[in-house]
Each structure stands twice: as structure tokens, then as C-alpha cells.
Amino acid sequence: MKAILEFDLNNHEEHRAHLRAIKGLDACLALSEIRSKLRAREKYDAEELTQEKFFDILSTFNIDLDELIS
């Protein structure tokens, strides 16, 4: 079975849909890393997973939430 997705990258909505389609695995990996940090939080101070760390993890996996939802 094959699937071919076609996007008009000149159209803002379709361009964003394209980004969402190609970033799915990266987003899952980033969320898995965040989940792992949260599960291990008893080993760290309550402040371990700060907003800054959250965005660092997303950046590591090249996930720009503004790009995907704006």
C-alpha cells in the first residue's frame, strides 16, 4: 500500500499541514523525552523541567510550535 500526499507549499494552510506531516516523528521523540524527564523528576528538584528545558528539548528535535500552529 502506498500513499502520496500533495501540498501546495505556496498556500499557508497547506504549508503548515506539510510541516505537521513531516515533523510527526520529531514531535513524538520530543514528547517522549519530556515524558522521560517528568517520570524521573523524583530524582531531581521540582524545578528540573522548567519552561526553558521544555523548549530546549523541542529545539533539540527541531520542533517550532509557532511554526506548526500559527
PDB file of N, CA and C in Angstrom:
ATOM      1  N   MET A   1       0.853  -1.170   0.000  1.00  0.00           N
ATOM      2  CA  MET A   1       0.000   0.000   0.000  1.00  0.00           C
ATOM      3  C   MET A   1       0.898   1.231   0.000  1.00  0.00           C
ATOM      4  N   LYS A   2       0.541   2.219  -0.783  1.00  0.00           N
ATOM      5  CA  LYS A   2       1.274   3.473  -0.857  1.00  0.00           C
ATOM      6  C   LYS A   2       0.299   4.621  -0.665  1.00  0.00           C
ATOM      7  N   ALA A   3       0.842   5.696  -0.145  1.00  0.00           N
ATOM      8  CA  ALA A   3       0.059   6.926  -0.027  1.00  0.00           C
ATOM      9  C   ALA A   3       0.926   8.073  -0.534  1.00  0.00           C
ATOM     10  N   ILE A   4       0.341   8.917  -1.309  1.00  0.00           N
ATOM     11  CA  ILE A   4       1.037  10.094  -1.808  1.00  0.00           C
ATOM     12  C   ILE A   4       0.287  11.316  -1.295  1.00  0.00           C
ATOM     13  N   LEU A   5       0.993  12.124  -0.550  1.00  0.00           N
ATOM     14  CA  LEU A   5       0.408  13.362  -0.047  1.00  0.00           C
ATOM     15  C   LEU A   5       0.905  14.500  -0.930  1.00  0.00           C
ATOM     16  N   GLU A   6       0.014  15.386  -1.271  1.00  0.00           N
ATOM     17  CA  GLU A   6       0.387  16.512  -2.112  1.00  0.00           C
ATOM     18  C   GLU A   6      -0.023  17.797  -1.408  1.00  0.00           C
ATOM     19  N   PHE A   7       0.907  18.735  -1.358  1.00  0.00           N
ATOM     20  CA  PHE A   7       0.665  20.003  -0.685  1.00  0.00           C
ATOM     21  C   PHE A   7       1.042  21.145  -1.617  1.00  0.00           C
ATOM     22  N   ASP A   8       0.249  22.196  -1.607  1.00  0.00           N
ATOM     23  CA  ASP A   8       0.599  23.435  -2.308  1.00  0.00           C
ATOM     24  C   ASP A   8       1.371  24.281  -1.290  1.00  0.00           C
ATOM     25  N   LEU A   9       2.695  24.272  -1.385  1.00  0.00           N
ATOM     26  CA  LEU A   9       3.520  24.953  -0.390  1.00  0.00           C
ATOM     27  C   LEU A   9       3.451  26.469  -0.507  1.00  0.00           C
ATOM     28  N   ASN A  10       2.776  26.970  -1.535  1.00  0.00           N
ATOM     29  CA  ASN A  10       2.547  28.414  -1.643  1.00  0.00           C
ATOM     30  C   ASN A  10       1.320  28.838  -0.850  1.00  0.00           C
ATOM     31  N   ASN A  11       0.514  27.865  -0.438  1.00  0.00           N
ATOM     32  CA  ASN A  11      -0.677  28.118   0.363  1.00  0.00           C
ATOM     33  C   ASN A  11      -0.308  27.950   1.836  1.00  0.00           C
ATOM     34  N   HIS A  12      -0.559  28.988   2.633  1.00  0.00           N
ATOM     35  CA  HIS A  12      -0.142  28.986   4.048  1.00  0.00           C
ATOM     36  C   HIS A  12      -0.692  27.781   4.810  1.00  0.00           C
ATOM     37  N   GLU A  13      -1.978  27.508   4.666  1.00  0.00           N
ATOM     38  CA  GLU A  13      -2.590  26.386   5.391  1.00  0.00           C
ATOM     39  C   GLU A  13      -1.995  25.046   4.968  1.00  0.00           C
ATOM     40  N   GLU A  14      -1.790  24.858   3.680  1.00  0.00           N
ATOM     41  CA  GLU A  14      -1.224  23.596   3.208  1.00  0.00           C
ATOM     42  C   GLU A  14       0.254  23.467   3.570  1.00  0.00           C
ATOM     43  N   HIS A  15       0.951  24.598   3.581  1.00  0.00           N
ATOM     44  CA  HIS A  15       2.357  24.570   4.000  1.00  0.00           C
ATOM     45  C   HIS A  15       2.464  24.123   5.454  1.00  0.00           C
ATOM     46  N   ARG A  16       1.588  24.650   6.299  1.00  0.00           N
ATOM     47  CA  ARG A  16       1.580  24.263   7.712  1.00  0.00           C
ATOM     48  C   ARG A  16       1.208  22.786   7.856  1.00  0.00           C
ATOM     49  N   ALA A  17       0.243  22.307   7.068  1.00  0.00           N
ATOM     50  CA  ALA A  17      -0.128  20.889   7.100  1.00  0.00           C
ATOM     51  C   ALA A  17       1.057  20.017   6.680  1.00  0.00           C
ATOM     52  N   HIS A  18       1.813  20.471   5.701  1.00  0.00           N
ATOM     53  CA  HIS A  18       3.013  19.755   5.262  1.00  0.00           C
ATOM     54  C   HIS A  18       4.029  19.660   6.403  1.00  0.00           C
ATOM     55  N   LEU A  19       4.272  20.776   7.079  1.00  0.00           N
ATOM     56  CA  LEU A  19       5.214  20.770   8.206  1.00  0.00           C
ATOM     57  C   LEU A  19       4.760  19.808   9.293  1.00  0.00           C
ATOM     58  N   ARG A  20       3.476  19.803   9.582  1.00  0.00           N
ATOM     59  CA  ARG A  20       2.952  18.885  10.593  1.00  0.00           C
ATOM     60  C   ARG A  20       3.177  17.438  10.175  1.00  0.00           C
ATOM     61  N   ALA A  21       2.985  17.147   8.898  1.00  0.00           N
ATOM     62  CA  ALA A  21       3.157  15.775   8.411  1.00  0.00           C
ATOM     63  C   ALA A  21       4.602  15.320   8.520  1.00  0.00           C
ATOM     64  N   ILE A  22       5.549  16.200   8.193  1.00  0.00           N
ATOM     65  CA  ILE A  22       6.949  15.769   8.197  1.00  0.00           C
ATOM     66  C   ILE A  22       7.594  15.860   9.575  1.00  0.00           C
ATOM     67  N   LYS A  23       6.975  16.559  10.502  1.00  0.00           N
ATOM     68  CA  LYS A  23       7.540  16.718  11.845  1.00  0.00           C
ATOM     69  C   LYS A  23       6.931  15.759  12.865  1.00  0.00           C
ATOM     70  N   GLY A  24       6.054  14.876  12.441  1.00  0.00           N
ATOM     71  CA  GLY A  24       5.367  13.976  13.369  1.00  0.00           C
ATOM     72  C   GLY A  24       6.309  13.139  14.216  1.00  0.00           C
ATOM     73  N   LEU A  25       7.290  12.499  13.588  1.00  0.00           N
ATOM     74  CA  LEU A  25       8.230  11.667  14.336  1.00  0.00           C
ATOM     75  C   LEU A  25       9.054  12.504  15.297  1.00  0.00           C
ATOM     76  N   ASP A  26       9.536  13.665  14.840  1.00  0.00           N
ATOM     77  CA  ASP A  26      10.319  14.533  15.715  1.00  0.00           C
ATOM     78  C   ASP A  26       9.504  14.976  16.928  1.00  0.00           C
ATOM     79  N   ALA A  27       8.235  15.305  16.702  1.00  0.00           N
ATOM     80  CA  ALA A  27       7.375  15.714  17.803  1.00  0.00           C
ATOM     81  C   ALA A  27       7.186  14.570  18.801  1.00  0.00           C
ATOM     82  N   CYS A  28       6.991  13.362  18.300  1.00  0.00           N
ATOM     83  CA  CYS A  28       6.836  12.205  19.186  1.00  0.00           C
ATOM     84  C   CYS A  28       8.100  11.961  20.003  1.00  0.00           C
ATOM     85  N   LEU A  29       9.255  12.090  19.379  1.00  0.00           N
ATOM     86  CA  LEU A  29      10.519  11.889  20.098  1.00  0.00           C
ATOM     87  C   LEU A  29      10.719  12.960  21.166  1.00  0.00           C
ATOM     88  N   ALA A  30      10.373  14.202  20.846  1.00  0.00           N
ATOM     89  CA  ALA A  30      10.491  15.277  21.825  1.00  0.00           C
ATOM     90  C   ALA A  30       9.556  15.043  23.005  1.00  0.00           C
ATOM     91  N   LEU A  31       8.318  14.662  22.723  1.00  0.00           N
ATOM     92  CA  LEU A  31       7.356  14.389  23.796  1.00  0.00           C
ATOM     93  C   LEU A  31       7.793  13.197  24.642  1.00  0.00           C
ATOM     94  N   SER A  32       8.395  12.202  24.022  1.00  0.00           N
ATOM     95  CA  SER A  32       8.904  11.053  24.760  1.00  0.00           C
ATOM     96  C   SER A  32      10.028  11.478  25.713  1.00  0.00           C
ATOM     97  N   GLU A  33      10.892  12.361  25.257  1.00  0.00           N
ATOM     98  CA  GLU A  33      11.978  12.880  26.099  1.00  0.00           C
ATOM     99  C   GLU A  33      11.411  13.663  27.280  1.00  0.00           C
ATOM    100  N   ILE A  34      10.404  14.484  27.024  1.00  0.00           N
ATOM    101  CA  ILE A  34       9.777  15.261  28.095  1.00  0.00           C
ATOM    102  C   ILE A  34       9.109  14.317  29.096  1.00  0.00           C
ATOM    103  N   ARG A  35       8.408  13.304  28.598  1.00  0.00           N
ATOM    104  CA  ARG A  35       7.780  12.320  29.480  1.00  0.00           C
ATOM    105  C   ARG A  35       8.823  11.629  30.350  1.00  0.00           C
ATOM    106  N   SER A  36       9.937  11.276  29.744  1.00  0.00           N
ATOM    107  CA  SER A  36      11.018  10.628  30.476  1.00  0.00           C
ATOM    108  C   SER A  36      11.541  11.527  31.601  1.00  0.00           C
ATOM    109  N   LYS A  37      11.708  12.806  31.297  1.00  0.00           N
ATOM    110  CA  LYS A  37      12.176  13.758  32.322  1.00  0.00           C
ATOM    111  C   LYS A  37      11.153  13.881  33.444  1.00  0.00           C
ATOM    112  N   LEU A  38       9.864  13.906  33.100  1.00  0.00           N
ATOM    113  CA  LEU A  38       8.827  14.025  34.120  1.00  0.00           C
ATOM    114  C   LEU A  38       8.776  12.781  35.010  1.00  0.00           C
ATOM    115  N   ARG A  39       8.927  11.613  34.403  1.00  0.00           N
ATOM    116  CA  ARG A  39       8.901  10.370  35.184  1.00  0.00           C
ATOM    117  C   ARG A  39      10.084  10.277  36.137  1.00  0.00           C
ATOM    118  N   ALA A  40      11.196  10.860  35.749  1.00  0.00           N
ATOM    119  CA  ALA A  40      12.408  10.802  36.570  1.00  0.00           C
ATOM    120  C   ALA A  40      12.492  11.974  37.543  1.00  0.00           C
ATOM    121  N   ARG A  41      11.433  12.770  37.634  1.00  0.00           N
ATOM    122  CA  ARG A  41      11.510  14.006  38.417  1.00  0.00           C
ATOM    123  C   ARG A  41      11.776  13.780  39.896  1.00  0.00           C
ATOM    124  N   GLU A  42      11.446  12.592  40.438  1.00  0.00           N
ATOM    125  CA  GLU A  42      11.708  12.360  41.847  1.00  0.00           C
ATOM    126  C   GLU A  42      13.202  12.364  42.148  1.00  0.00           C
ATOM    127  N   LYS A  43      14.025  12.204  41.105  1.00  0.00           N
ATOM    128  CA  LYS A  43      15.474  12.227  41.267  1.00  0.00           C
ATOM    129  C   LYS A  43      16.023  13.652  41.255  1.00  0.00           C
ATOM    130  N   TYR A  44      15.197  14.591  40.897  1.00  0.00           N
ATOM    131  CA  TYR A  44      15.638  15.967  40.729  1.00  0.00           C
ATOM    132  C   TYR A  44      14.779  16.892  41.585  1.00  0.00           C
ATOM    133  N   ASP A  45      15.191  18.149  41.611  1.00  0.00           N
ATOM    134  CA  ASP A  45      14.364  19.161  42.260  1.00  0.00           C
ATOM    135  C   ASP A  45      13.083  19.355  41.454  1.00  0.00           C
ATOM    136  N   ALA A  46      12.088  19.902  42.078  1.00  0.00           N
ATOM    137  CA  ALA A  46      10.808  20.119  41.409  1.00  0.00           C
ATOM    138  C   ALA A  46      10.953  21.057  40.210  1.00  0.00           C
ATOM    139  N   GLU A  47      11.988  21.870  40.196  1.00  0.00           N
ATOM    140  CA  GLU A  47      12.188  22.840  39.120  1.00  0.00           C
ATOM    141  C   GLU A  47      12.974  22.272  37.941  1.00  0.00           C
ATOM    142  N   GLU A  48      13.288  20.996  37.950  1.00  0.00           N
ATOM    143  CA  GLU A  48      14.160  20.410  36.925  1.00  0.00           C
ATOM    144  C   GLU A  48      13.650  20.629  35.507  1.00  0.00           C
ATOM    145  N   LEU A  49      12.372  20.360  35.289  1.00  0.00           N
ATOM    146  CA  LEU A  49      11.825  20.528  33.945  1.00  0.00           C
ATOM    147  C   LEU A  49      11.137  21.895  33.875  1.00  0.00           C
ATOM    148  N   THR A  50      11.937  22.908  33.657  1.00  0.00           N
ATOM    149  CA  THR A  50      11.426  24.269  33.570  1.00  0.00           C
ATOM    150  C   THR A  50      10.934  24.543  32.165  1.00  0.00           C
ATOM    151  N   GLN A  51      10.332  25.678  32.002  1.00  0.00           N
ATOM    152  CA  GLN A  51       9.885  26.087  30.671  1.00  0.00           C
ATOM    153  C   GLN A  51      11.073  26.138  29.721  1.00  0.00           C
ATOM    154  N   GLU A  52      12.194  26.623  30.202  1.00  0.00           N
ATOM    155  CA  GLU A  52      13.398  26.699  29.365  1.00  0.00           C
ATOM    156  C   GLU A  52      13.835  25.308  28.900  1.00  0.00           C
ATOM    157  N   LYS A  53      13.830  24.334  29.809  1.00  0.00           N
ATOM    158  CA  LYS A  53      14.217  22.969  29.458  1.00  0.00           C
ATOM    159  C   LYS A  53      13.232  22.373  28.454  1.00  0.00           C
ATOM    160  N   PHE A  54      11.950  22.650  28.658  1.00  0.00           N
ATOM    161  CA  PHE A  54      10.919  22.187  27.737  1.00  0.00           C
ATOM    162  C   PHE A  54      11.231  22.652  26.317  1.00  0.00           C
ATOM    163  N   PHE A  55      11.509  23.942  26.164  1.00  0.00           N
ATOM    164  CA  PHE A  55      11.794  24.478  24.847  1.00  0.00           C
ATOM    165  C   PHE A  55      13.156  24.032  24.330  1.00  0.00           C
ATOM    166  N   ASP A  56      14.095  23.765  25.222  1.00  0.00           N
ATOM    167  CA  ASP A  56      15.384  23.200  24.797  1.00  0.00           C
ATOM    168  C   ASP A  56      15.187  21.825  24.164  1.00  0.00           C
ATOM    169  N   ILE A  57      14.343  21.015  24.772  1.00  0.00           N
ATOM    170  CA  ILE A  57      14.074  19.675  24.228  1.00  0.00           C
ATOM    171  C   ILE A  57      13.401  19.791  22.863  1.00  0.00           C
ATOM    172  N   LEU A  58      12.408  20.672  22.747  1.00  0.00           N
ATOM    173  CA  LEU A  58      11.759  20.866  21.452  1.00  0.00           C
ATOM    174  C   LEU A  58      12.768  21.333  20.405  1.00  0.00           C
ATOM    175  N   SER A  59      13.642  22.227  20.794  1.00  0.00           N
ATOM    176  CA  SER A  59      14.660  22.733  19.876  1.00  0.00           C
ATOM    177  C   SER A  59      15.623  21.627  19.441  1.00  0.00           C
ATOM    178  N   THR A  60      15.977  20.757  20.375  1.00  0.00           N
ATOM    179  CA  THR A  60      16.866  19.638  20.053  1.00  0.00           C
ATOM    180  C   THR A  60      16.286  18.790  18.936  1.00  0.00           C
ATOM    181  N   PHE A  61      14.966  18.637  18.939  1.00  0.00           N
ATOM    182  CA  PHE A  61      14.298  17.829  17.924  1.00  0.00           C
ATOM    183  C   PHE A  61      13.759  18.682  16.769  1.00  0.00           C
ATOM    184  N   ASN A  62      14.201  19.955  16.722  1.00  0.00           N
ATOM    185  CA  ASN A  62      13.838  20.876  15.644  1.00  0.00           C
ATOM    186  C   ASN A  62      12.327  21.060  15.524  1.00  0.00           C
ATOM    187  N   ILE A  63      11.660  21.200  16.677  1.00  0.00           N
ATOM    188  CA  ILE A  63      10.226  21.434  16.713  1.00  0.00           C
ATOM    189  C   ILE A  63       9.980  22.886  17.102  1.00  0.00           C
ATOM    190  N   ASP A  64       9.349  23.622  16.204  1.00  0.00           N
ATOM    191  CA  ASP A  64       8.980  25.020  16.434  1.00  0.00           C
ATOM    192  C   ASP A  64       7.462  25.068  16.511  1.00  0.00           C
ATOM    193  N   LEU A  65       6.917  25.141  17.729  1.00  0.00           N
ATOM    194  CA  LEU A  65       5.464  25.094  17.894  1.00  0.00           C
ATOM    195  C   LEU A  65       4.773  26.247  17.166  1.00  0.00           C
ATOM    196  N   ASP A  66       5.379  27.429  17.183  1.00  0.00           N
ATOM    197  CA  ASP A  66       4.769  28.561  16.485  1.00  0.00           C
ATOM    198  C   ASP A  66       4.636  28.284  14.995  1.00  0.00           C
ATOM    199  N   GLU A  67       5.633  27.630  14.420  1.00  0.00           N
ATOM    200  CA  GLU A  67       5.614  27.299  13.003  1.00  0.00           C
ATOM    201  C   GLU A  67       4.502  26.285  12.684  1.00  0.00           C
ATOM    202  N   LEU A  68       4.231  25.390  13.627  1.00  0.00           N
ATOM    203  CA  LEU A  68       3.266  24.331  13.383  1.00  0.00           C
ATOM    204  C   LEU A  68       1.830  24.716  13.679  1.00  0.00           C
ATOM    205  N   ILE A  69       1.616  25.733  14.539  1.00  0.00           N
ATOM    206  CA  ILE A  69       0.238  26.065  14.926  1.00  0.00           C
ATOM    207  C   ILE A  69      -0.195  27.472  14.565  1.00  0.00           C
ATOM    208  N   SER A  70       0.699  28.306  14.086  1.00  0.00           N
ATOM    209  CA  SER A  70       0.293  29.690  13.769  1.00  0.00           C
ATOM    210  C   SER A  70      -0.349  29.804  12.414  1.00  0.00           C
TER     211      SER A  70
END
